[in-house]
Amino acid sequence: MQEHAVEALLILIAPPRLEEVLVDFLLQQQAITGFTSMPVSGHGTVRGTERLSLVEQVSGRQGRVQFMLHAPLPVLQAVIAEIRIKFEGAGLHYMLLPVLAAQSV
């Protein structure tokens, strides 16, 4: 019986100013076969050094870009380690989740 690596989902949320830099960074990761990205809105208390502009305070939302990467857990852990070094203090937020099932049909 062949063992399969544990699969995971990395959700990375970034300020829009970092979108192109992160796209380039992720495309350079040879172990990543693809990813999705989309504009999202952040709501609530701001973490880190990012502060809400006056418009964001009035609207109650802050523009963000969300990336989703599905890969073996060790691959995503390595990506996170590199992100933590290269983008320290950049206002990124990530979540690493187990994938219980995934299939292309």
Protein backbone atom coordinates (compact mmCIF):
# COMPACT_ATOMS: atom_id res chain seq x y z
CA MET A 1 0.00 0.00 0.00
CA GLN A 2 1.39 3.41 -0.99
CA GLU A 3 1.49 6.14 1.66
CA HIS A 4 0.13 9.54 0.74
CA ALA A 5 1.35 12.80 2.21
CA VAL A 6 -1.13 14.63 4.40
CA GLU A 7 -2.82 17.30 2.32
CA ALA A 8 -3.44 20.83 3.57
CA LEU A 9 -4.94 24.14 2.50
CA LEU A 10 -3.05 27.39 3.01
CA ILE A 11 -5.19 30.52 3.05
CA LEU A 12 -3.07 33.65 2.81
CA ILE A 13 -4.62 37.11 3.23
CA ALA A 14 -2.60 40.15 2.17
CA PRO A 15 -2.87 43.88 1.60
CA PRO A 16 -3.63 44.61 -2.09
CA ARG A 17 -0.27 46.39 -2.50
CA LEU A 18 1.43 42.98 -2.12
CA GLU A 19 -0.70 41.11 -4.67
CA GLU A 20 1.75 41.15 -7.59
CA VAL A 21 4.77 40.45 -5.38
CA LEU A 22 2.99 37.46 -3.83
CA VAL A 23 1.82 36.16 -7.22
CA ASP A 24 5.43 36.25 -8.41
CA PHE A 25 6.67 34.62 -5.19
CA LEU A 26 4.10 31.81 -5.38
CA LEU A 27 4.72 31.18 -9.08
CA GLN A 28 8.41 30.69 -8.27
CA GLN A 29 7.62 27.90 -5.78
CA GLN A 30 8.39 24.80 -7.82
CA ALA A 31 6.55 22.47 -5.42
CA ILE A 32 3.30 24.45 -5.85
CA THR A 33 1.37 23.38 -8.95
CA GLY A 34 -1.15 26.22 -8.79
CA PHE A 35 -3.19 28.49 -6.56
CA THR A 36 -6.23 30.74 -6.63
CA SER A 37 -6.52 34.39 -5.70
CA MET A 38 -9.42 36.73 -5.21
CA PRO A 39 -10.22 40.15 -3.77
CA VAL A 40 -11.82 39.97 -0.31
CA SER A 41 -12.80 42.42 2.41
CA GLY A 42 -11.47 42.33 5.95
CA HIS A 43 -13.78 43.36 8.78
CA GLY A 44 -13.08 43.95 12.46
CA THR A 45 -10.03 44.86 14.46
CA VAL A 46 -6.83 45.44 12.54
CA ARG A 47 -3.82 43.39 13.58
CA GLY A 48 -0.21 44.43 13.33
CA THR A 49 0.89 47.75 11.87
CA GLU A 50 -1.90 48.11 9.28
CA ARG A 51 -4.35 50.84 10.18
CA LEU A 52 -7.71 51.61 8.63
CA SER A 53 -7.98 54.66 6.38
CA LEU A 54 -10.83 57.09 6.98
CA VAL A 55 -12.83 55.55 4.10
CA GLU A 56 -12.23 52.05 5.52
CA GLN A 57 -13.36 53.19 8.96
CA VAL A 58 -16.60 54.59 7.53
CA SER A 59 -17.33 51.55 5.33
CA GLY A 60 -16.29 49.05 7.99
CA ARG A 61 -14.16 47.06 5.56
CA GLN A 62 -10.61 46.90 4.35
CA GLY A 63 -9.62 45.61 0.92
CA ARG A 64 -7.50 42.45 0.93
CA VAL A 65 -6.34 39.77 -1.48
CA GLN A 66 -6.81 36.12 -0.55
CA PHE A 67 -4.69 33.28 -1.92
CA MET A 68 -5.56 29.62 -1.52
CA LEU A 69 -3.00 26.86 -2.04
CA HIS A 70 -3.72 23.12 -1.83
CA ALA A 71 -0.64 20.90 -1.49
CA PRO A 72 1.03 18.34 0.75
CA LEU A 73 1.47 19.67 4.29
CA PRO A 74 5.31 19.71 4.22
CA VAL A 75 5.28 21.79 1.02
CA LEU A 76 2.97 24.38 2.56
CA GLN A 77 4.97 24.46 5.80
CA ALA A 78 8.08 25.28 3.75
CA VAL A 79 6.20 28.04 1.90
CA ILE A 80 5.05 29.51 5.22
CA ALA A 81 8.60 29.44 6.60
CA GLU A 82 9.83 31.40 3.57
CA ILE A 83 6.90 33.84 3.73
CA ARG A 84 7.60 34.53 7.42
CA ILE A 85 11.17 35.54 6.51
CA LYS A 86 10.59 37.43 3.24
CA PHE A 87 7.40 39.24 4.28
CA GLU A 88 8.01 39.88 7.98
CA GLY A 89 5.97 42.89 9.14
CA ALA A 90 4.10 43.15 5.81
CA GLY A 91 0.62 42.69 7.30
CA LEU A 92 0.01 39.14 6.05
CA HIS A 93 -2.29 36.69 7.82
CA TYR A 94 -2.39 32.97 7.09
CA MET A 95 -4.34 29.88 8.10
CA LEU A 96 -3.13 26.33 7.51
CA LEU A 97 -5.93 23.78 7.51
CA PRO A 98 -6.09 20.00 7.02
CA VAL A 99 -7.84 18.80 3.85
CA LEU A 100 -10.16 15.91 4.60
CA ALA A 101 -11.03 15.23 0.97
CA ALA A 102 -10.29 16.80 -2.40
CA GLN A 103 -10.81 15.59 -5.95
CA SER A 104 -11.08 17.07 -9.42
CA VAL A 105 -14.08 15.78 -11.34
